[in-house]
Amino acid sequence: MPLVIDIMENQIIGPAFRSGRQEGLQEGRQEGELRILRIQMEKRFGPLPAWAQTKLATLASAELERLGERIFEATTLEDLLSPTN
Protein backbone atom coordinates (compact mmCIF):
# COMPACT_ATOMS: atom_id res chain seq x y z
CA MET A 1 0.00 0.00 0.00
CA PRO A 2 1.54 3.35 -1.06
CA LEU A 3 2.04 6.07 1.49
CA VAL A 4 0.59 9.39 0.36
CA ILE A 5 1.59 12.65 2.03
CA ASP A 6 1.15 16.27 1.12
CA ILE A 7 4.63 17.80 1.06
CA MET A 8 3.16 21.27 1.63
CA GLU A 9 1.72 20.17 4.98
CA ASN A 10 4.91 18.47 6.18
CA GLN A 11 6.42 20.50 9.04
CA ILE A 12 10.01 19.87 7.99
CA ILE A 13 9.90 19.77 4.19
CA GLY A 14 6.90 22.07 3.65
CA PRO A 15 8.50 25.44 4.47
CA ALA A 16 11.59 24.74 2.35
CA PHE A 17 9.44 23.49 -0.52
CA ARG A 18 7.18 26.57 -0.38
CA SER A 19 10.19 28.88 -0.25
CA GLY A 20 11.82 27.19 -3.23
CA ARG A 21 8.57 27.24 -5.14
CA GLN A 22 8.14 30.96 -4.48
CA GLU A 23 11.70 31.69 -5.63
CA GLY A 24 11.09 29.70 -8.80
CA LEU A 25 7.89 31.61 -9.55
CA GLN A 26 9.68 34.93 -9.05
CA GLU A 27 12.53 33.89 -11.34
CA GLY A 28 10.01 32.79 -13.97
CA ARG A 29 8.19 36.12 -13.79
CA GLN A 30 11.45 38.04 -14.13
CA GLU A 31 12.54 35.94 -17.12
CA GLY A 32 9.17 36.59 -18.76
CA GLU A 33 9.39 40.32 -18.14
CA LEU A 34 12.90 40.38 -19.56
CA ARG A 35 11.87 38.41 -22.64
CA ILE A 36 8.94 40.70 -23.44
CA LEU A 37 11.00 43.83 -22.83
CA ARG A 38 13.76 42.57 -25.15
CA ILE A 39 11.20 41.88 -27.88
CA GLN A 40 9.76 45.38 -27.49
CA MET A 41 13.20 46.99 -27.46
CA GLU A 42 14.32 45.13 -30.58
CA LYS A 43 11.11 46.01 -32.37
CA ARG A 44 11.56 49.67 -31.47
CA PHE A 45 15.33 50.16 -31.68
CA GLY A 46 16.63 47.19 -33.71
CA PRO A 47 19.09 44.52 -32.57
CA LEU A 48 20.38 45.10 -29.06
CA PRO A 49 24.10 45.74 -28.68
CA ALA A 50 26.07 43.69 -26.16
CA TRP A 51 26.20 46.57 -23.64
CA ALA A 52 22.40 46.79 -23.59
CA GLN A 53 22.00 43.03 -23.15
CA THR A 54 24.51 43.08 -20.29
CA LYS A 55 22.67 45.95 -18.61
CA LEU A 56 19.31 44.19 -18.94
CA ALA A 57 20.70 41.01 -17.39
CA THR A 58 21.58 42.90 -14.20
CA LEU A 59 18.21 44.58 -13.63
CA ALA A 60 15.73 43.59 -10.95
CA SER A 61 12.08 42.96 -11.70
CA ALA A 62 10.97 46.42 -10.57
CA GLU A 63 13.54 48.04 -12.88
CA LEU A 64 12.35 45.91 -15.81
CA GLU A 65 8.79 47.05 -15.15
CA ARG A 66 9.94 50.68 -15.12
CA LEU A 67 11.65 50.21 -18.48
CA GLY A 68 8.52 48.55 -19.81
CA GLU A 69 6.62 51.74 -19.05
CA ARG A 70 9.37 54.07 -20.31
CA ILE A 71 9.81 52.30 -23.66
CA PHE A 72 6.89 54.31 -25.02
CA GLU A 73 8.57 57.62 -24.15
CA ALA A 74 12.23 56.93 -24.93
CA THR A 75 13.51 58.06 -28.31
CA THR A 76 16.74 56.04 -28.27
CA LEU A 77 18.05 52.92 -26.63
CA GLU A 78 20.57 55.02 -24.73
CA ASP A 79 17.77 57.22 -23.44
CA LEU A 80 15.77 54.21 -22.31
CA LEU A 81 18.68 52.62 -20.43
CA SER A 82 20.07 55.83 -19.00
CA PRO A 83 20.34 55.61 -15.21
CA THR A 84 19.06 59.17 -14.78
CA ASN A 85 15.63 58.42 -16.28
PDB file of N, CA and C in Angstrom:
ATOM      1  N   MET A   1       0.851  -1.177   0.000  1.00  0.00           N
ATOM      2  CA  MET A   1       0.000   0.000   0.000  1.00  0.00           C
ATOM      3  C   MET A   1       0.901   1.247   0.000  1.00  0.00           C
ATOM      4  N   PRO A   2       0.699   2.144  -0.986  1.00  0.00           N
ATOM      5  CA  PRO A   2       1.538   3.345  -1.058  1.00  0.00           C
ATOM      6  C   PRO A   2       1.194   4.338   0.043  1.00  0.00           C
ATOM      7  N   LEU A   3       2.205   5.031   0.479  1.00  0.00           N
ATOM      8  CA  LEU A   3       2.043   6.066   1.485  1.00  0.00           C
ATOM      9  C   LEU A   3       1.907   7.397   0.760  1.00  0.00           C
ATOM     10  N   VAL A   4       0.827   8.124   1.032  1.00  0.00           N
ATOM     11  CA  VAL A   4       0.587   9.390   0.356  1.00  0.00           C
ATOM     12  C   VAL A   4       0.621  10.509   1.392  1.00  0.00           C
ATOM     13  N   ILE A   5       1.520  11.492   1.144  1.00  0.00           N
ATOM     14  CA  ILE A   5       1.593  12.646   2.029  1.00  0.00           C
ATOM     15  C   ILE A   5       1.563  13.914   1.180  1.00  0.00           C
ATOM     16  N   ASP A   6       1.131  14.969   1.789  1.00  0.00           N
ATOM     17  CA  ASP A   6       1.154  16.269   1.124  1.00  0.00           C
ATOM     18  C   ASP A   6       2.400  16.996   1.607  1.00  0.00           C
ATOM     19  N   ILE A   7       3.352  17.163   0.702  1.00  0.00           N
ATOM     20  CA  ILE A   7       4.626  17.805   1.057  1.00  0.00           C
ATOM     21  C   ILE A   7       4.391  19.185   1.657  1.00  0.00           C
ATOM     22  N   MET A   8       3.418  19.914   1.151  1.00  0.00           N
ATOM     23  CA  MET A   8       3.159  21.270   1.634  1.00  0.00           C
ATOM     24  C   MET A   8       2.764  21.279   3.110  1.00  0.00           C
ATOM     25  N   GLU A   9       2.165  20.217   3.592  1.00  0.00           N
ATOM     26  CA  GLU A   9       1.722  20.166   4.982  1.00  0.00           C
ATOM     27  C   GLU A   9       2.778  19.594   5.918  1.00  0.00           C
ATOM     28  N   ASN A  10       3.850  19.031   5.364  1.00  0.00           N
ATOM     29  CA  ASN A  10       4.913  18.474   6.176  1.00  0.00           C
ATOM     30  C   ASN A  10       5.632  19.599   6.906  1.00  0.00           C
ATOM     31  N   GLN A  11       5.820  19.446   8.221  1.00  0.00           N
ATOM     32  CA  GLN A  11       6.422  20.505   9.036  1.00  0.00           C
ATOM     33  C   GLN A  11       7.894  20.740   8.735  1.00  0.00           C
ATOM     34  N   ILE A  12       8.581  19.734   8.257  1.00  0.00           N
ATOM     35  CA  ILE A  12      10.007  19.874   7.987  1.00  0.00           C
ATOM     36  C   ILE A  12      10.255  20.259   6.522  1.00  0.00           C
ATOM     37  N   ILE A  13       9.665  19.537   5.616  1.00  0.00           N
ATOM     38  CA  ILE A  13       9.898  19.767   4.188  1.00  0.00           C
ATOM     39  C   ILE A  13       9.038  20.908   3.644  1.00  0.00           C
ATOM     40  N   GLY A  14       7.860  21.082   4.156  1.00  0.00           N
ATOM     41  CA  GLY A  14       6.903  22.065   3.645  1.00  0.00           C
ATOM     42  C   GLY A  14       7.436  23.485   3.517  1.00  0.00           C
ATOM     43  N   PRO A  15       7.993  24.067   4.581  1.00  0.00           N
ATOM     44  CA  PRO A  15       8.501  25.444   4.472  1.00  0.00           C
ATOM     45  C   PRO A  15       9.594  25.604   3.415  1.00  0.00           C
ATOM     46  N   ALA A  16      10.520  24.657   3.354  1.00  0.00           N
ATOM     47  CA  ALA A  16      11.592  24.738   2.350  1.00  0.00           C
ATOM     48  C   ALA A  16      11.016  24.590   0.947  1.00  0.00           C
ATOM     49  N   PHE A  17      10.060  23.698   0.778  1.00  0.00           N
ATOM     50  CA  PHE A  17       9.440  23.493  -0.523  1.00  0.00           C
ATOM     51  C   PHE A  17       8.693  24.748  -0.961  1.00  0.00           C
ATOM     52  N   ARG A  18       7.928  25.349  -0.052  1.00  0.00           N
ATOM     53  CA  ARG A  18       7.185  26.574  -0.379  1.00  0.00           C
ATOM     54  C   ARG A  18       8.130  27.706  -0.744  1.00  0.00           C
ATOM     55  N   SER A  19       9.218  27.835   0.017  1.00  0.00           N
ATOM     56  CA  SER A  19      10.191  28.883  -0.253  1.00  0.00           C
ATOM     57  C   SER A  19      10.829  28.690  -1.632  1.00  0.00           C
ATOM     58  N   GLY A  20      11.231  27.480  -1.920  1.00  0.00           N
ATOM     59  CA  GLY A  20      11.825  27.188  -3.227  1.00  0.00           C
ATOM     60  C   GLY A  20      10.844  27.400  -4.358  1.00  0.00           C
ATOM     61  N   ARG A  21       9.614  27.044  -4.130  1.00  0.00           N
ATOM     62  CA  ARG A  21       8.571  27.244  -5.144  1.00  0.00           C
ATOM     63  C   ARG A  21       8.365  28.735  -5.403  1.00  0.00           C
ATOM     64  N   GLN A  22       8.326  29.517  -4.351  1.00  0.00           N
ATOM     65  CA  GLN A  22       8.137  30.963  -4.480  1.00  0.00           C
ATOM     66  C   GLN A  22       9.304  31.600  -5.235  1.00  0.00           C
ATOM     67  N   GLU A  23      10.524  31.172  -4.923  1.00  0.00           N
ATOM     68  CA  GLU A  23      11.698  31.690  -5.626  1.00  0.00           C
ATOM     69  C   GLU A  23      11.633  31.343  -7.110  1.00  0.00           C
ATOM     70  N   GLY A  24      11.216  30.129  -7.412  1.00  0.00           N
ATOM     71  CA  GLY A  24      11.090  29.699  -8.803  1.00  0.00           C
ATOM     72  C   GLY A  24      10.046  30.508  -9.561  1.00  0.00           C
ATOM     73  N   LEU A  25       8.927  30.789  -8.914  1.00  0.00           N
ATOM     74  CA  LEU A  25       7.894  31.609  -9.547  1.00  0.00           C
ATOM     75  C   LEU A  25       8.403  33.014  -9.822  1.00  0.00           C
ATOM     76  N   GLN A  26       9.130  33.587  -8.873  1.00  0.00           N
ATOM     77  CA  GLN A  26       9.684  34.929  -9.049  1.00  0.00           C
ATOM     78  C   GLN A  26      10.685  34.956 -10.199  1.00  0.00           C
ATOM     79  N   GLU A  27      11.558  33.957 -10.247  1.00  0.00           N
ATOM     80  CA  GLU A  27      12.534  33.890 -11.343  1.00  0.00           C
ATOM     81  C   GLU A  27      11.830  33.759 -12.683  1.00  0.00           C
ATOM     82  N   GLY A  28      10.775  32.959 -12.729  1.00  0.00           N
ATOM     83  CA  GLY A  28      10.013  32.786 -13.965  1.00  0.00           C
ATOM     84  C   GLY A  28       9.355  34.080 -14.414  1.00  0.00           C
ATOM     85  N   ARG A  29       8.799  34.825 -13.467  1.00  0.00           N
ATOM     86  CA  ARG A  29       8.195  36.121 -13.792  1.00  0.00           C
ATOM     87  C   ARG A  29       9.241  37.077 -14.350  1.00  0.00           C
ATOM     88  N   GLN A  30      10.390  37.113 -13.700  1.00  0.00           N
ATOM     89  CA  GLN A  30      11.445  38.035 -14.127  1.00  0.00           C
ATOM     90  C   GLN A  30      11.953  37.652 -15.523  1.00  0.00           C
ATOM     91  N   GLU A  31      12.107  36.373 -15.786  1.00  0.00           N
ATOM     92  CA  GLU A  31      12.541  35.936 -17.116  1.00  0.00           C
ATOM     93  C   GLU A  31      11.516  36.330 -18.168  1.00  0.00           C
ATOM     94  N   GLY A  32      10.228  36.199 -17.836  1.00  0.00           N
ATOM     95  CA  GLY A  32       9.172  36.587 -18.761  1.00  0.00           C
ATOM     96  C   GLY A  32       9.160  38.077 -19.032  1.00  0.00           C
ATOM     97  N   GLU A  33       9.326  38.867 -17.971  1.00  0.00           N
ATOM     98  CA  GLU A  33       9.387  40.319 -18.138  1.00  0.00           C
ATOM     99  C   GLU A  33      10.565  40.711 -19.023  1.00  0.00           C
ATOM    100  N   LEU A  34      11.697  40.085 -18.782  1.00  0.00           N
ATOM    101  CA  LEU A  34      12.901  40.382 -19.559  1.00  0.00           C
ATOM    102  C   LEU A  34      12.702  40.000 -21.023  1.00  0.00           C
ATOM    103  N   ARG A  35      12.098  38.863 -21.264  1.00  0.00           N
ATOM    104  CA  ARG A  35      11.867  38.409 -22.642  1.00  0.00           C
ATOM    105  C   ARG A  35      10.968  39.381 -23.392  1.00  0.00           C
ATOM    106  N   ILE A  36       9.871  39.773 -22.786  1.00  0.00           N
ATOM    107  CA  ILE A  36       8.940  40.699 -23.442  1.00  0.00           C
ATOM    108  C   ILE A  36       9.595  42.053 -23.677  1.00  0.00           C
ATOM    109  N   LEU A  37      10.327  42.538 -22.689  1.00  0.00           N
ATOM    110  CA  LEU A  37      11.000  43.829 -22.834  1.00  0.00           C
ATOM    111  C   LEU A  37      12.029  43.780 -23.962  1.00  0.00           C
ATOM    112  N   ARG A  38      12.783  42.697 -24.054  1.00  0.00           N
ATOM    113  CA  ARG A  38      13.761  42.567 -25.151  1.00  0.00           C
ATOM    114  C   ARG A  38      13.065  42.594 -26.510  1.00  0.00           C
ATOM    115  N   ILE A  39      11.959  41.892 -26.619  1.00  0.00           N
ATOM    116  CA  ILE A  39      11.203  41.877 -27.876  1.00  0.00           C
ATOM    117  C   ILE A  39      10.757  43.293 -28.228  1.00  0.00           C
ATOM    118  N   GLN A  40      10.214  44.008 -27.249  1.00  0.00           N
ATOM    119  CA  GLN A  40       9.759  45.377 -27.488  1.00  0.00           C
ATOM    120  C   GLN A  40      10.920  46.290 -27.881  1.00  0.00           C
ATOM    121  N   MET A  41      12.036  46.148 -27.186  1.00  0.00           N
ATOM    122  CA  MET A  41      13.195  46.990 -27.461  1.00  0.00           C
ATOM    123  C   MET A  41      13.743  46.714 -28.866  1.00  0.00           C
ATOM    124  N   GLU A  42      13.822  45.458 -29.247  1.00  0.00           N
ATOM    125  CA  GLU A  42      14.324  45.127 -30.580  1.00  0.00           C
ATOM    126  C   GLU A  42      13.373  45.606 -31.663  1.00  0.00           C
ATOM    127  N   LYS A  43      12.096  45.525 -31.405  1.00  0.00           N
ATOM    128  CA  LYS A  43      11.107  46.010 -32.368  1.00  0.00           C
ATOM    129  C   LYS A  43      11.229  47.530 -32.538  1.00  0.00           C
ATOM    130  N   ARG A  44      11.499  48.209 -31.445  1.00  0.00           N
ATOM    131  CA  ARG A  44      11.560  49.674 -31.471  1.00  0.00           C
ATOM    132  C   ARG A  44      12.915  50.219 -31.929  1.00  0.00           C
ATOM    133  N   PHE A  45      13.997  49.602 -31.439  1.00  0.00           N
ATOM    134  CA  PHE A  45      15.331  50.162 -31.676  1.00  0.00           C
ATOM    135  C   PHE A  45      16.244  49.276 -32.539  1.00  0.00           C
ATOM    136  N   GLY A  46      15.794  48.108 -32.934  1.00  0.00           N
ATOM    137  CA  GLY A  46      16.627  47.192 -33.711  1.00  0.00           C
ATOM    138  C   GLY A  46      17.409  46.257 -32.796  1.00  0.00           C
ATOM    139  N   PRO A  47      18.317  45.478 -33.369  1.00  0.00           N
ATOM    140  CA  PRO A  47      19.089  44.517 -32.565  1.00  0.00           C
ATOM    141  C   PRO A  47      19.801  45.200 -31.398  1.00  0.00           C
ATOM    142  N   LEU A  48      19.774  44.529 -30.265  1.00  0.00           N
ATOM    143  CA  LEU A  48      20.377  45.099 -29.056  1.00  0.00           C
ATOM    144  C   LEU A  48      21.881  44.860 -29.036  1.00  0.00           C
ATOM    145  N   PRO A  49      22.658  45.917 -28.810  1.00  0.00           N
ATOM    146  CA  PRO A  49      24.101  45.736 -28.681  1.00  0.00           C
ATOM    147  C   PRO A  49      24.434  44.995 -27.382  1.00  0.00           C
ATOM    148  N   ALA A  50      25.638  44.479 -27.323  1.00  0.00           N
ATOM    149  CA  ALA A  50      26.071  43.695 -26.158  1.00  0.00           C
ATOM    150  C   ALA A  50      25.939  44.483 -24.857  1.00  0.00           C
ATOM    151  N   TRP A  51      26.271  45.778 -24.871  1.00  0.00           N
ATOM    152  CA  TRP A  51      26.205  46.571 -23.635  1.00  0.00           C
ATOM    153  C   TRP A  51      24.776  46.646 -23.104  1.00  0.00           C
ATOM    154  N   ALA A  52      23.800  46.713 -24.012  1.00  0.00           N
ATOM    155  CA  ALA A  52      22.399  46.787 -23.586  1.00  0.00           C
ATOM    156  C   ALA A  52      21.943  45.439 -23.025  1.00  0.00           C
ATOM    157  N   GLN A  53      22.356  44.356 -23.649  1.00  0.00           N
ATOM    158  CA  GLN A  53      22.000  43.028 -23.153  1.00  0.00           C
ATOM    159  C   GLN A  53      22.607  42.785 -21.771  1.00  0.00           C
ATOM    160  N   THR A  54      23.840  43.219 -21.596  1.00  0.00           N
ATOM    161  CA  THR A  54      24.507  43.078 -20.295  1.00  0.00           C
ATOM    162  C   THR A  54      23.769  43.879 -19.226  1.00  0.00           C
ATOM    163  N   LYS A  55      23.399  45.097 -19.566  1.00  0.00           N
ATOM    164  CA  LYS A  55      22.673  45.950 -18.610  1.00  0.00           C
ATOM    165  C   LYS A  55      21.341  45.308 -18.226  1.00  0.00           C
ATOM    166  N   LEU A  56      20.595  44.820 -19.221  1.00  0.00           N
ATOM    167  CA  LEU A  56      19.307  44.193 -18.942  1.00  0.00           C
ATOM    168  C   LEU A  56      19.450  42.992 -18.013  1.00  0.00           C
ATOM    169  N   ALA A  57      20.495  42.219 -18.190  1.00  0.00           N
ATOM    170  CA  ALA A  57      20.704  41.009 -17.391  1.00  0.00           C
ATOM    171  C   ALA A  57      20.930  41.312 -15.919  1.00  0.00           C
ATOM    172  N   THR A  58      21.299  42.544 -15.598  1.00  0.00           N
ATOM    173  CA  THR A  58      21.583  42.896 -14.203  1.00  0.00           C
ATOM    174  C   THR A  58      20.397  43.547 -13.491  1.00  0.00           C
ATOM    175  N   LEU A  59      19.318  43.825 -14.208  1.00  0.00           N
ATOM    176  CA  LEU A  59      18.210  44.583 -13.629  1.00  0.00           C
ATOM    177  C   LEU A  59      17.249  43.703 -12.840  1.00  0.00           C
ATOM    178  N   ALA A  60      16.740  44.255 -11.768  1.00  0.00           N
ATOM    179  CA  ALA A  60      15.727  43.591 -10.949  1.00  0.00           C
ATOM    180  C   ALA A  60      14.362  43.736 -11.612  1.00  0.00           C
ATOM    181  N   SER A  61      13.425  42.970 -11.137  1.00  0.00           N
ATOM    182  CA  SER A  61      12.081  42.955 -11.704  1.00  0.00           C
ATOM    183  C   SER A  61      11.434  44.340 -11.716  1.00  0.00           C
ATOM    184  N   ALA A  62      11.575  45.088 -10.638  1.00  0.00           N
ATOM    185  CA  ALA A  62      10.970  46.424 -10.569  1.00  0.00           C
ATOM    186  C   ALA A  62      11.572  47.351 -11.621  1.00  0.00           C
ATOM    187  N   GLU A  63      12.875  47.202 -11.863  1.00  0.00           N
ATOM    188  CA  GLU A  63      13.537  48.038 -12.879  1.00  0.00           C
ATOM    189  C   GLU A  63      13.080  47.651 -14.283  1.00  0.00           C
ATOM    190  N   LEU A  64      12.861  46.352 -14.513  1.00  0.00           N
ATOM    191  CA  LEU A  64      12.351  45.906 -15.812  1.00  0.00           C
ATOM    192  C   LEU A  64      10.954  46.470 -16.059  1.00  0.00           C
ATOM    193  N   GLU A  65      10.132  46.482 -15.023  1.00  0.00           N
ATOM    194  CA  GLU A  65       8.787  47.052 -15.148  1.00  0.00           C
ATOM    195  C   GLU A  65       8.860  48.541 -15.492  1.00  0.00           C
ATOM    196  N   ARG A  66       9.763  49.244 -14.851  1.00  0.00           N
ATOM    197  CA  ARG A  66       9.936  50.678 -15.117  1.00  0.00           C
ATOM    198  C   ARG A  66      10.341  50.901 -16.572  1.00  0.00           C
ATOM    199  N   LEU A  67      11.253  50.086 -17.075  1.00  0.00           N
ATOM    200  CA  LEU A  67      11.653  50.206 -18.478  1.00  0.00           C
ATOM    201  C   LEU A  67      10.489  49.873 -19.411  1.00  0.00           C
ATOM    202  N   GLY A  68       9.686  48.907 -19.008  1.00  0.00           N
ATOM    203  CA  GLY A  68       8.517  48.545 -19.809  1.00  0.00           C
ATOM    204  C   GLY A  68       7.554  49.710 -19.969  1.00  0.00           C
ATOM    205  N   GLU A  69       7.466  50.550 -18.969  1.00  0.00           N
ATOM    206  CA  GLU A  69       6.623  51.740 -19.049  1.00  0.00           C
ATOM    207  C   GLU A  69       7.309  52.843 -19.857  1.00  0.00           C
ATOM    208  N   ARG A  70       8.619  52.992 -19.660  1.00  0.00           N
ATOM    209  CA  ARG A  70       9.368  54.065 -20.309  1.00  0.00           C
ATOM    210  C   ARG A  70       9.617  53.828 -21.793  1.00  0.00           C
ATOM    211  N   ILE A  71       9.482  52.592 -22.261  1.00  0.00           N
ATOM    212  CA  ILE A  71       9.807  52.304 -23.656  1.00  0.00           C
ATOM    213  C   ILE A  71       8.943  53.111 -24.611  1.00  0.00           C
ATOM    214  N   PHE A  72       7.783  53.530 -24.164  1.00  0.00           N
ATOM    215  CA  PHE A  72       6.887  54.312 -25.015  1.00  0.00           C
ATOM    216  C   PHE A  72       7.310  55.774 -25.116  1.00  0.00           C
ATOM    217  N   GLU A  73       8.132  56.226 -24.178  1.00  0.00           N
ATOM    218  CA  GLU A  73       8.566  57.620 -24.148  1.00  0.00           C
ATOM    219  C   GLU A  73       9.983  57.817 -24.671  1.00  0.00           C
ATOM    220  N   ALA A  74      10.817  56.811 -24.544  1.00  0.00           N
ATOM    221  CA  ALA A  74      12.231  56.932 -24.934  1.00  0.00           C
ATOM    222  C   ALA A  74      12.363  57.053 -26.448  1.00  0.00           C
ATOM    223  N   THR A  75      13.292  57.889 -26.867  1.00  0.00           N
ATOM    224  CA  THR A  75      13.509  58.060 -28.307  1.00  0.00           C
ATOM    225  C   THR A  75      14.696  57.259 -28.816  1.00  0.00           C
ATOM    226  N   THR A  76      15.588  56.864 -27.897  1.00  0.00           N
ATOM    227  CA  THR A  76      16.740  56.042 -28.270  1.00  0.00           C
ATOM    228  C   THR A  76      16.946  54.970 -27.208  1.00  0.00           C
ATOM    229  N   LEU A  77      17.709  53.970 -27.574  1.00  0.00           N
ATOM    230  CA  LEU A  77      18.050  52.916 -26.626  1.00  0.00           C
ATOM    231  C   LEU A  77      18.862  53.482 -25.467  1.00  0.00           C
ATOM    232  N   GLU A  78      19.757  54.384 -25.769  1.00  0.00           N
ATOM    233  CA  GLU A  78      20.573  55.020 -24.734  1.00  0.00           C
ATOM    234  C   GLU A  78      19.706  55.784 -23.745  1.00  0.00           C
ATOM    235  N   ASP A  79      18.706  56.475 -24.281  1.00  0.00           N
ATOM    236  CA  ASP A  79      17.769  57.221 -23.439  1.00  0.00           C
ATOM    237  C   ASP A  79      16.990  56.274 -22.527  1.00  0.00           C
ATOM    238  N   LEU A  80      16.545  55.176 -23.084  1.00  0.00           N
ATOM    239  CA  LEU A  80      15.772  54.206 -22.307  1.00  0.00           C
ATOM    240  C   LEU A  80      16.591  53.624 -21.162  1.00  0.00           C
ATOM    241  N   LEU A  81      17.838  53.295 -21.430  1.00  0.00           N
ATOM    242  CA  LEU A  81      18.677  52.619 -20.426  1.00  0.00           C
ATOM    243  C   LEU A  81      19.518  53.565 -19.586  1.00  0.00           C
ATOM    244  N   SER A  82      19.336  54.851 -19.782  1.00  0.00           N
ATOM    245  CA  SER A  82      20.075  55.832 -19.003  1.00  0.00           C
ATOM    246  C   SER A  82      19.681  55.740 -17.536  1.00  0.00           C
ATOM    247  N   PRO A  83      20.654  55.721 -16.633  1.00  0.00           N
ATOM    248  CA  PRO A  83      20.336  55.610 -15.209  1.00  0.00           C
ATOM    249  C   PRO A  83      19.640  56.829 -14.634  1.00  0.00           C
ATOM    250  N   THR A  84      19.688  57.957 -15.321  1.00  0.00           N
ATOM    251  CA  THR A  84      19.061  59.165 -14.778  1.00  0.00           C
ATOM    252  C   THR A  84      17.579  59.238 -15.076  1.00  0.00           C
ATOM    253  N   ASN A  85      17.068  58.369 -15.912  1.00  0.00           N
ATOM    254  CA  ASN A  85      15.632  58.418 -16.280  1.00  0.00           C
ATOM    255  C   ASN A  85      14.835  57.412 -15.515  1.00  0.00           C
TER     256      ASN A  85
END
